[in-house]
């Protein structure tokens, strides 16, 4: 009896969530604009003007590339699996 009650509750909740997702999806064009092509219509802005008395911000590369770039295929592969992942102690 209790399992049947829980199953009915889950089905009703699932139906409610799916109906809600459908409603949001129908109105998506109103709330979420596709910005995939915005870069094609961009405008170039002039450089930042820093007021007198302030210093210019230092611009640095977050991920500098090595010079000269190594040839393709000469780099050693790197594992993206964290150490100890999947091992049980």
N, C-alpha and C. Protein backbone atom coordinates (compact mmCIF):
# COMPACT_ATOMS: atom_id res chain seq x y z
N UNK A 1 0.82 -1.19 0.00
CA UNK A 1 0.00 0.00 0.00
C UNK A 1 0.87 1.26 0.00
N UNK A 2 1.89 1.26 0.87
CA UNK A 2 2.77 2.42 0.97
C UNK A 2 3.56 2.61 -0.32
N UNK A 3 4.02 1.52 -0.93
CA UNK A 3 4.80 1.61 -2.17
C UNK A 3 3.93 2.18 -3.28
N UNK A 4 2.68 1.80 -3.33
CA UNK A 4 1.77 2.31 -4.35
C UNK A 4 1.56 3.81 -4.16
N UNK A 5 1.42 4.25 -2.92
CA UNK A 5 1.25 5.68 -2.63
C UNK A 5 2.48 6.47 -3.08
N UNK A 6 3.67 5.96 -2.76
CA UNK A 6 4.91 6.64 -3.15
C UNK A 6 5.03 6.70 -4.67
N UNK A 7 4.67 5.63 -5.34
CA UNK A 7 4.74 5.60 -6.80
C UNK A 7 3.80 6.63 -7.42
N UNK A 8 2.59 6.74 -6.88
CA UNK A 8 1.63 7.72 -7.39
C UNK A 8 2.16 9.14 -7.18
N UNK A 9 2.74 9.39 -6.02
CA UNK A 9 3.30 10.71 -5.75
C UNK A 9 4.42 11.02 -6.73
N UNK A 10 5.30 10.07 -6.99
CA UNK A 10 6.40 10.28 -7.94
C UNK A 10 5.88 10.55 -9.35
N UNK A 11 4.88 9.82 -9.77
CA UNK A 11 4.32 10.02 -11.12
C UNK A 11 3.70 11.40 -11.23
N UNK A 12 2.97 11.83 -10.22
CA UNK A 12 2.36 13.16 -10.24
C UNK A 12 3.43 14.24 -10.25
N UNK A 13 4.47 14.08 -9.44
CA UNK A 13 5.55 15.07 -9.41
C UNK A 13 6.28 15.12 -10.75
N UNK A 14 6.55 13.97 -11.33
CA UNK A 14 7.23 13.92 -12.62
C UNK A 14 6.39 14.58 -13.70
N UNK A 15 5.10 14.33 -13.69
CA UNK A 15 4.21 14.96 -14.68
C UNK A 15 4.21 16.48 -14.50
N UNK A 16 4.20 16.94 -13.27
CA UNK A 16 4.24 18.38 -13.02
C UNK A 16 5.52 19.02 -13.49
N UNK A 17 6.64 18.37 -13.24
CA UNK A 17 7.93 18.91 -13.66
C UNK A 17 8.02 18.95 -15.18
N UNK A 18 7.60 17.88 -15.83
CA UNK A 18 7.67 17.85 -17.29
C UNK A 18 6.75 18.88 -17.92
N UNK A 19 5.58 19.08 -17.35
CA UNK A 19 4.67 20.11 -17.88
C UNK A 19 5.28 21.50 -17.68
N UNK A 20 5.93 21.70 -16.55
CA UNK A 20 6.59 22.99 -16.30
C UNK A 20 7.71 23.24 -17.27
N UNK A 21 8.48 22.20 -17.58
CA UNK A 21 9.57 22.36 -18.55
C UNK A 21 9.03 22.70 -19.92
N UNK A 22 7.91 22.12 -20.30
CA UNK A 22 7.32 22.41 -21.60
C UNK A 22 6.86 23.86 -21.66
N UNK A 23 6.26 24.35 -20.59
CA UNK A 23 5.82 25.74 -20.55
C UNK A 23 7.00 26.69 -20.70
N UNK A 24 8.09 26.40 -19.98
CA UNK A 24 9.28 27.24 -20.06
C UNK A 24 9.85 27.19 -21.47
N UNK A 25 9.88 26.02 -22.08
CA UNK A 25 10.45 25.87 -23.41
C UNK A 25 9.65 26.66 -24.44
N UNK A 26 8.32 26.73 -24.30
CA UNK A 26 7.50 27.47 -25.23
C UNK A 26 7.77 28.97 -25.12
N UNK A 27 8.08 29.44 -23.94
CA UNK A 27 8.32 30.87 -23.73
C UNK A 27 9.81 31.21 -23.80
N UNK A 28 10.63 30.26 -24.15
CA UNK A 28 12.07 30.46 -24.14
C UNK A 28 12.50 31.60 -25.05
N UNK A 29 11.87 31.73 -26.20
CA UNK A 29 12.24 32.78 -27.14
C UNK A 29 12.04 34.17 -26.53
N UNK A 30 11.11 34.27 -25.59
CA UNK A 30 10.84 35.55 -24.97
C UNK A 30 11.90 35.87 -23.92
N UNK A 31 12.31 34.86 -23.13
CA UNK A 31 13.19 35.10 -22.01
C UNK A 31 14.67 34.92 -22.35
N UNK A 32 14.99 34.01 -23.25
CA UNK A 32 16.39 33.72 -23.56
C UNK A 32 16.63 34.02 -25.04
N UNK A 33 17.43 35.04 -25.30
CA UNK A 33 17.71 35.43 -26.67
C UNK A 33 18.94 34.69 -27.16
N UNK A 34 18.91 34.24 -28.41
CA UNK A 34 20.06 33.56 -29.01
C UNK A 34 21.12 34.60 -29.34
N UNK A 35 22.27 34.52 -28.68
CA UNK A 35 23.34 35.49 -28.89
C UNK A 35 24.49 34.89 -29.69
N UNK A 36 24.21 33.81 -30.43
CA UNK A 36 25.24 33.10 -31.16
C UNK A 36 25.88 33.89 -32.29
N UNK A 37 25.17 34.84 -32.86
CA UNK A 37 25.70 35.59 -34.00
C UNK A 37 26.02 37.05 -33.64
N UNK A 38 26.01 37.40 -32.36
CA UNK A 38 26.25 38.79 -31.96
C UNK A 38 27.62 39.30 -32.36
N UNK A 39 28.61 38.42 -32.44
CA UNK A 39 29.96 38.86 -32.78
C UNK A 39 30.03 39.40 -34.20
N UNK A 40 29.08 39.04 -35.06
CA UNK A 40 29.10 39.50 -36.44
C UNK A 40 28.71 40.97 -36.56
N UNK A 41 27.98 41.47 -35.60
CA UNK A 41 27.51 42.86 -35.65
C UNK A 41 28.18 43.73 -34.59
N UNK A 42 29.34 43.34 -34.12
CA UNK A 42 29.99 44.08 -33.05
C UNK A 42 30.53 45.42 -33.55
N UNK A 43 30.78 46.31 -32.63
CA UNK A 43 31.42 47.58 -32.95
C UNK A 43 32.73 47.65 -32.18
N UNK A 44 33.73 48.25 -32.78
CA UNK A 44 35.03 48.38 -32.14
C UNK A 44 35.01 49.59 -31.23
N UNK A 45 35.37 49.38 -29.98
CA UNK A 45 35.39 50.45 -29.00
C UNK A 45 36.78 51.07 -28.94
N UNK A 46 36.86 52.37 -28.67
CA UNK A 46 38.17 52.99 -28.53
C UNK A 46 38.86 52.49 -27.26
N UNK A 47 40.19 52.64 -27.19
CA UNK A 47 40.90 52.18 -25.98
C UNK A 47 40.41 52.92 -24.74
N UNK A 48 40.57 52.27 -23.60
CA UNK A 48 40.14 52.84 -22.34
C UNK A 48 40.97 54.08 -22.00
N UNK A 49 40.29 55.15 -21.63
CA UNK A 49 40.98 56.38 -21.23
C UNK A 49 41.04 56.42 -19.72
N UNK A 50 42.26 56.44 -19.20
CA UNK A 50 42.46 56.46 -17.75
C UNK A 50 42.62 57.92 -17.31
N UNK A 51 41.85 58.35 -16.32
CA UNK A 51 41.97 59.74 -15.86
C UNK A 51 43.36 60.02 -15.30
N UNK A 52 43.74 61.30 -15.33
CA UNK A 52 45.05 61.68 -14.79
C UNK A 52 45.09 61.38 -13.31
N UNK A 53 46.25 60.95 -12.85
CA UNK A 53 46.41 60.60 -11.46
C UNK A 53 46.25 59.11 -11.19
N UNK A 54 45.75 58.38 -12.17
CA UNK A 54 45.59 56.94 -12.05
C UNK A 54 46.55 56.26 -13.02
N UNK A 55 46.97 55.07 -12.68
CA UNK A 55 47.87 54.33 -13.56
C UNK A 55 47.07 53.41 -14.48
N UNK A 56 47.68 53.09 -15.62
CA UNK A 56 47.04 52.17 -16.56
C UNK A 56 47.05 50.76 -15.96
N UNK A 57 45.98 50.01 -16.17
CA UNK A 57 45.99 48.62 -15.68
C UNK A 57 46.98 47.79 -16.48
N UNK A 58 47.67 46.91 -15.79
CA UNK A 58 48.62 46.04 -16.47
C UNK A 58 47.87 44.89 -17.11
N UNK A 59 48.08 44.73 -18.40
CA UNK A 59 47.42 43.66 -19.13
C UNK A 59 48.41 42.52 -19.27
N UNK A 60 48.02 41.35 -18.78
CA UNK A 60 48.88 40.18 -18.90
C UNK A 60 48.07 39.04 -19.52
N UNK A 61 48.76 38.12 -20.12
CA UNK A 61 48.10 36.95 -20.68
C UNK A 61 47.91 35.93 -19.56
N UNK A 62 46.69 35.43 -19.44
CA UNK A 62 46.42 34.43 -18.41
C UNK A 62 47.07 33.10 -18.75
N UNK A 63 47.08 32.76 -20.02
CA UNK A 63 47.63 31.49 -20.47
C UNK A 63 48.62 31.75 -21.60
N UNK A 64 49.83 32.19 -21.28
CA UNK A 64 50.79 32.49 -22.35
C UNK A 64 51.20 31.22 -23.09
N UNK A 65 51.40 31.36 -24.39
CA UNK A 65 51.85 30.24 -25.21
C UNK A 65 53.37 30.20 -25.23
N UNK A 66 53.96 29.01 -25.19
CA UNK A 66 55.41 28.92 -25.25
C UNK A 66 55.92 29.29 -26.65
N UNK A 67 57.07 29.86 -26.68
CA UNK A 67 57.70 30.21 -27.97
C UNK A 67 58.96 29.40 -28.14
N UNK A 68 59.26 28.79 -29.21
CA UNK A 68 58.36 28.48 -30.31
C UNK A 68 57.41 27.35 -29.91
N UNK A 69 56.28 27.26 -30.59
CA UNK A 69 55.31 26.21 -30.28
C UNK A 69 55.85 24.85 -30.65
N UNK A 70 55.66 23.84 -29.82
CA UNK A 70 56.15 22.50 -30.14
C UNK A 70 55.37 21.90 -31.31
N UNK A 71 56.01 20.98 -32.02
CA UNK A 71 55.37 20.31 -33.14
C UNK A 71 54.23 19.41 -32.65
N UNK A 72 53.20 19.27 -33.46
CA UNK A 72 52.09 18.38 -33.12
C UNK A 72 52.61 16.95 -33.02
N UNK A 73 52.16 16.22 -32.02
CA UNK A 73 52.55 14.84 -31.85
C UNK A 73 53.80 14.64 -31.02
N UNK A 74 54.51 15.71 -30.68
CA UNK A 74 55.73 15.57 -29.89
C UNK A 74 55.46 15.70 -28.39
N UNK A 75 54.28 16.15 -28.02
CA UNK A 75 53.97 16.32 -26.61
C UNK A 75 53.53 14.99 -26.00
N UNK A 76 53.81 14.83 -24.72
CA UNK A 76 53.40 13.59 -24.04
C UNK A 76 51.95 13.73 -23.59
N UNK A 77 51.17 12.66 -23.72
CA UNK A 77 49.77 12.74 -23.30
C UNK A 77 49.64 12.91 -21.79
N UNK A 78 48.57 13.58 -21.37
CA UNK A 78 48.32 13.84 -19.96
C UNK A 78 47.00 13.18 -19.59
N UNK A 79 46.96 12.49 -18.46
CA UNK A 79 45.73 11.87 -18.00
C UNK A 79 44.87 12.91 -17.29
N UNK A 80 43.58 12.91 -17.60
CA UNK A 80 42.67 13.83 -16.94
C UNK A 80 41.97 13.19 -15.75
N UNK A 81 42.30 11.94 -15.45
CA UNK A 81 41.70 11.23 -14.32
C UNK A 81 42.49 11.60 -13.06
N UNK A 82 41.81 12.08 -12.01
CA UNK A 82 42.51 12.44 -10.79
C UNK A 82 43.19 11.23 -10.16
N UNK A 83 44.31 11.43 -9.48
CA UNK A 83 45.00 10.31 -8.82
C UNK A 83 44.08 9.66 -7.79
N UNK A 84 44.05 8.35 -7.79
CA UNK A 84 43.26 7.61 -6.82
C UNK A 84 41.79 7.51 -7.16
N UNK A 85 41.37 8.03 -8.32
CA UNK A 85 39.95 7.97 -8.68
C UNK A 85 39.54 6.54 -8.96
N UNK A 86 38.49 6.09 -8.32
CA UNK A 86 37.98 4.75 -8.54
C UNK A 86 38.65 3.69 -7.69
N UNK A 87 39.62 4.08 -6.88
CA UNK A 87 40.26 3.10 -6.01
C UNK A 87 39.62 3.17 -4.63
N UNK A 88 39.33 2.00 -4.09
CA UNK A 88 38.72 1.92 -2.77
C UNK A 88 39.78 1.62 -1.74
N UNK A 89 39.71 2.29 -0.61
CA UNK A 89 40.71 2.06 0.43
C UNK A 89 40.23 1.08 1.47
